[in-house]
Amino acid sequence: MNNVFEQHKVWLIGEGFNESITFEGLPKDLEDELAIGDCIIGKAKAATYSMVNNGDKDIKFKWNSGDKDEFKFYPNCGHLKAKSSKRIKVMVRGT
């Protein structure tokens, strides 16, 4: 059976990109922002998310919070293998 309606040609034009490192599972389902929310003075508050290596090479990372004791990342440095992820915990202490 030769039905002309069974075959369709579609021409798509687009633009895409691939980020080597992405952050997933950020609080409040935000895409590119770490929202901690309100903090009580003297009390610690935590947030967790995943850092994902989408690339083909292992990477080394280090979070530098300087001399700020009220803002810490766990782990604050490490290695992330290609095509893998690691959970990151951020602790904030209101002062």
N, C-alpha and C. Protein backbone atom coordinates (compact mmCIF):
# COMPACT_ATOMS: atom_id res chain seq x y z
N MET A 1 0.85 -1.17 0.00
CA MET A 1 0.00 0.00 0.00
C MET A 1 0.90 1.24 0.00
N ASN A 2 0.65 2.16 -0.83
CA ASN A 2 1.45 3.37 -0.96
C ASN A 2 0.62 4.57 -0.53
N ASN A 3 0.73 4.93 0.75
CA ASN A 3 -0.04 6.03 1.30
C ASN A 3 0.89 7.23 1.50
N VAL A 4 0.62 8.33 0.84
CA VAL A 4 1.50 9.51 0.92
C VAL A 4 1.46 10.15 2.31
N PHE A 5 0.47 9.81 3.10
CA PHE A 5 0.36 10.39 4.43
C PHE A 5 1.15 9.62 5.49
N GLU A 6 1.75 8.50 5.12
CA GLU A 6 2.53 7.71 6.06
C GLU A 6 3.95 8.20 6.22
N GLN A 7 4.44 8.99 5.30
CA GLN A 7 5.81 9.47 5.35
C GLN A 7 5.82 10.98 5.47
N HIS A 8 6.60 11.45 6.43
CA HIS A 8 6.73 12.89 6.65
C HIS A 8 8.20 13.23 6.76
N LYS A 9 8.58 14.32 6.18
CA LYS A 9 9.94 14.82 6.35
C LYS A 9 9.86 16.04 7.26
N VAL A 10 10.70 16.04 8.27
CA VAL A 10 10.73 17.15 9.23
C VAL A 10 12.14 17.71 9.25
N TRP A 11 12.27 18.99 9.13
CA TRP A 11 13.57 19.68 9.15
C TRP A 11 13.64 20.45 10.46
N LEU A 12 14.60 20.09 11.32
CA LEU A 12 14.76 20.75 12.61
C LEU A 12 16.06 21.53 12.63
N ILE A 13 15.99 22.72 13.13
CA ILE A 13 17.17 23.55 13.32
C ILE A 13 17.18 23.97 14.78
N GLY A 14 18.31 23.79 15.43
CA GLY A 14 18.37 24.13 16.84
C GLY A 14 19.77 24.43 17.30
N GLU A 15 19.86 24.77 18.54
CA GLU A 15 21.15 25.07 19.15
C GLU A 15 21.16 24.41 20.51
N GLY A 16 22.25 23.79 20.86
CA GLY A 16 22.34 23.11 22.15
C GLY A 16 23.69 23.31 22.78
N PHE A 17 23.79 22.90 24.02
CA PHE A 17 25.06 22.99 24.73
C PHE A 17 25.11 21.89 25.77
N ASN A 18 26.32 21.60 26.20
CA ASN A 18 26.52 20.57 27.20
C ASN A 18 27.48 21.14 28.25
N GLU A 19 27.03 21.21 29.47
CA GLU A 19 27.87 21.72 30.55
C GLU A 19 28.63 20.56 31.17
N SER A 20 29.91 20.76 31.39
CA SER A 20 30.74 19.69 31.98
C SER A 20 30.33 19.40 33.42
N ILE A 21 30.08 20.45 34.20
CA ILE A 21 29.70 20.29 35.60
C ILE A 21 28.33 20.92 35.81
N THR A 22 27.43 20.16 36.41
CA THR A 22 26.10 20.70 36.72
C THR A 22 25.77 20.42 38.18
N PHE A 23 24.82 21.16 38.72
CA PHE A 23 24.33 20.97 40.08
C PHE A 23 22.88 20.52 40.00
N GLU A 24 22.57 19.44 40.68
CA GLU A 24 21.23 18.88 40.65
C GLU A 24 20.69 18.72 42.06
N GLY A 25 19.39 18.79 42.19
CA GLY A 25 18.75 18.62 43.49
C GLY A 25 18.94 19.81 44.41
N LEU A 26 19.06 21.02 43.81
CA LEU A 26 19.19 22.22 44.64
C LEU A 26 17.89 22.45 45.41
N PRO A 27 17.99 23.02 46.62
CA PRO A 27 16.78 23.28 47.40
C PRO A 27 15.78 24.12 46.63
N LYS A 28 14.52 23.89 46.86
CA LYS A 28 13.40 24.59 46.23
C LYS A 28 13.36 24.37 44.73
N ASP A 29 14.02 23.31 44.25
CA ASP A 29 14.04 22.95 42.83
C ASP A 29 14.51 24.09 41.93
N LEU A 30 15.42 24.92 42.45
CA LEU A 30 16.00 25.98 41.64
C LEU A 30 17.04 25.40 40.70
N GLU A 31 17.21 26.02 39.55
CA GLU A 31 18.10 25.47 38.53
C GLU A 31 19.54 25.93 38.69
N ASP A 32 19.75 27.16 39.11
CA ASP A 32 21.10 27.70 39.13
C ASP A 32 21.37 28.58 40.35
N GLU A 33 20.72 28.26 41.46
CA GLU A 33 20.83 29.10 42.64
C GLU A 33 20.70 28.24 43.90
N LEU A 34 21.57 28.46 44.86
CA LEU A 34 21.50 27.74 46.13
C LEU A 34 20.77 28.62 47.13
N ALA A 35 19.54 28.28 47.43
CA ALA A 35 18.72 29.05 48.36
C ALA A 35 18.74 28.36 49.72
N ILE A 36 19.29 29.03 50.70
CA ILE A 36 19.36 28.47 52.06
C ILE A 36 18.12 28.85 52.87
N GLY A 37 17.60 30.02 52.63
CA GLY A 37 16.43 30.49 53.38
C GLY A 37 16.86 31.26 54.63
N ASP A 38 15.91 31.52 55.49
CA ASP A 38 16.18 32.28 56.71
C ASP A 38 17.04 31.47 57.67
N CYS A 39 17.94 32.15 58.34
CA CYS A 39 18.81 31.51 59.33
C CYS A 39 18.63 32.20 60.68
N ILE A 40 18.64 31.41 61.73
CA ILE A 40 18.55 31.93 63.09
C ILE A 40 19.97 32.13 63.62
N ILE A 41 20.21 33.26 64.23
CA ILE A 41 21.54 33.57 64.74
C ILE A 41 21.98 32.50 65.74
N GLY A 42 23.19 31.98 65.53
CA GLY A 42 23.75 30.97 66.42
C GLY A 42 23.34 29.54 66.09
N LYS A 43 22.44 29.35 65.14
CA LYS A 43 21.98 28.01 64.77
C LYS A 43 22.48 27.68 63.36
N ALA A 44 22.88 26.43 63.19
CA ALA A 44 23.36 25.97 61.88
C ALA A 44 22.18 25.50 61.04
N LYS A 45 22.30 25.74 59.73
CA LYS A 45 21.28 25.29 58.79
C LYS A 45 22.01 24.63 57.63
N ALA A 46 21.50 23.50 57.14
CA ALA A 46 22.18 22.74 56.09
C ALA A 46 21.31 22.64 54.84
N ALA A 47 21.99 22.52 53.72
CA ALA A 47 21.36 22.24 52.43
C ALA A 47 22.26 21.27 51.69
N THR A 48 21.68 20.36 50.93
CA THR A 48 22.47 19.40 50.17
C THR A 48 22.04 19.43 48.71
N TYR A 49 22.97 19.08 47.85
CA TYR A 49 22.72 18.97 46.42
C TYR A 49 23.76 18.04 45.83
N SER A 50 23.62 17.71 44.56
CA SER A 50 24.59 16.85 43.87
C SER A 50 25.38 17.66 42.86
N MET A 51 26.68 17.42 42.83
CA MET A 51 27.53 17.98 41.80
C MET A 51 27.80 16.85 40.82
N VAL A 52 27.49 17.07 39.53
CA VAL A 52 27.55 16.02 38.52
C VAL A 52 28.61 16.37 37.48
N ASN A 53 29.50 15.43 37.21
CA ASN A 53 30.50 15.58 36.16
C ASN A 53 29.96 14.91 34.90
N ASN A 54 29.53 15.70 33.95
CA ASN A 54 28.99 15.18 32.69
C ASN A 54 30.08 14.97 31.64
N GLY A 55 31.30 15.37 31.96
CA GLY A 55 32.40 15.30 31.01
C GLY A 55 33.04 13.93 30.92
N ASP A 56 34.05 13.85 30.07
CA ASP A 56 34.76 12.60 29.84
C ASP A 56 36.05 12.50 30.64
N LYS A 57 36.37 13.53 31.44
CA LYS A 57 37.60 13.55 32.22
C LYS A 57 37.28 13.74 33.70
N ASP A 58 38.11 13.15 34.56
CA ASP A 58 37.98 13.37 36.00
C ASP A 58 38.33 14.81 36.30
N ILE A 59 37.72 15.36 37.35
CA ILE A 59 38.02 16.73 37.75
C ILE A 59 38.39 16.77 39.23
N LYS A 60 39.08 17.82 39.61
CA LYS A 60 39.39 18.10 41.01
C LYS A 60 38.65 19.38 41.37
N PHE A 61 38.02 19.40 42.54
CA PHE A 61 37.29 20.59 42.94
C PHE A 61 37.71 21.04 44.34
N LYS A 62 37.51 22.31 44.61
CA LYS A 62 37.78 22.88 45.93
C LYS A 62 36.86 24.07 46.13
N TRP A 63 36.09 24.03 47.22
CA TRP A 63 35.23 25.15 47.59
C TRP A 63 36.03 26.04 48.53
N ASN A 64 36.16 27.28 48.19
CA ASN A 64 36.93 28.21 49.00
C ASN A 64 35.98 29.19 49.67
N SER A 65 35.79 29.02 50.96
CA SER A 65 34.96 29.97 51.71
C SER A 65 35.83 30.93 52.51
N GLY A 66 37.12 30.93 52.19
CA GLY A 66 38.03 31.86 52.86
C GLY A 66 38.11 31.59 54.35
N ASP A 67 38.13 32.65 55.11
CA ASP A 67 38.21 32.51 56.57
C ASP A 67 36.83 32.61 57.21
N LYS A 68 35.79 32.39 56.44
CA LYS A 68 34.42 32.50 56.94
C LYS A 68 34.00 31.19 57.60
N ASP A 69 33.93 31.18 58.91
CA ASP A 69 33.51 29.98 59.64
C ASP A 69 32.01 29.73 59.55
N GLU A 70 31.25 30.75 59.19
CA GLU A 70 29.80 30.59 59.15
C GLU A 70 29.29 29.98 57.84
N PHE A 71 30.20 29.65 56.94
CA PHE A 71 29.81 29.12 55.63
C PHE A 71 30.79 28.03 55.24
N LYS A 72 30.36 26.74 55.26
CA LYS A 72 31.26 25.61 55.00
C LYS A 72 30.62 24.62 54.02
N PHE A 73 31.47 24.02 53.18
CA PHE A 73 31.07 22.96 52.26
C PHE A 73 31.68 21.64 52.73
N TYR A 74 30.91 20.55 52.63
CA TYR A 74 31.40 19.22 52.97
C TYR A 74 31.08 18.25 51.84
N PRO A 75 32.04 17.64 51.19
CA PRO A 75 33.47 17.89 51.34
C PRO A 75 33.84 19.22 50.68
N ASN A 76 34.88 19.86 51.21
CA ASN A 76 35.28 21.15 50.64
C ASN A 76 36.28 20.99 49.50
N CYS A 77 36.80 19.77 49.29
CA CYS A 77 37.66 19.50 48.13
C CYS A 77 37.60 18.01 47.83
N GLY A 78 37.97 17.66 46.62
CA GLY A 78 37.96 16.25 46.26
C GLY A 78 38.07 16.05 44.76
N HIS A 79 37.87 14.82 44.34
CA HIS A 79 37.92 14.45 42.94
C HIS A 79 36.55 13.91 42.54
N LEU A 80 36.18 14.20 41.32
CA LEU A 80 34.91 13.71 40.78
C LEU A 80 35.19 13.02 39.45
N LYS A 81 34.99 11.72 39.43
CA LYS A 81 35.27 10.94 38.22
C LYS A 81 34.31 11.31 37.10
N ALA A 82 34.74 11.07 35.87
CA ALA A 82 33.90 11.34 34.70
C ALA A 82 32.59 10.57 34.80
N LYS A 83 31.52 11.22 34.41
CA LYS A 83 30.18 10.61 34.38
C LYS A 83 29.72 10.13 35.76
N SER A 84 30.09 10.86 36.81
CA SER A 84 29.66 10.48 38.16
C SER A 84 29.17 11.71 38.90
N SER A 85 28.66 11.50 40.10
CA SER A 85 28.16 12.61 40.91
C SER A 85 28.59 12.45 42.36
N LYS A 86 28.50 13.53 43.10
CA LYS A 86 28.86 13.52 44.52
C LYS A 86 27.91 14.45 45.26
N ARG A 87 27.44 14.01 46.43
CA ARG A 87 26.57 14.84 47.27
C ARG A 87 27.43 15.87 47.98
N ILE A 88 26.97 17.11 47.98
CA ILE A 88 27.64 18.21 48.65
C ILE A 88 26.69 18.76 49.72
N LYS A 89 27.23 19.00 50.90
CA LYS A 89 26.44 19.57 51.99
C LYS A 89 27.00 20.95 52.31
N VAL A 90 26.12 21.92 52.43
CA VAL A 90 26.51 23.28 52.79
C VAL A 90 25.94 23.59 54.16
N MET A 91 26.80 24.05 55.06
CA MET A 91 26.36 24.43 56.40
C MET A 91 26.52 25.94 56.54
N VAL A 92 25.45 26.59 56.98
CA VAL A 92 25.48 28.02 57.21
C VAL A 92 25.10 28.25 58.66
N ARG A 93 25.87 29.10 59.31
CA ARG A 93 25.60 29.45 60.70
C ARG A 93 25.42 30.97 60.79
N GLY A 94 24.22 31.38 61.13
CA GLY A 94 23.94 32.82 61.25
C GLY A 94 24.71 33.44 62.41
N THR A 95 25.32 34.58 62.14
CA THR A 95 26.06 35.29 63.19
C THR A 95 25.53 36.68 63.37
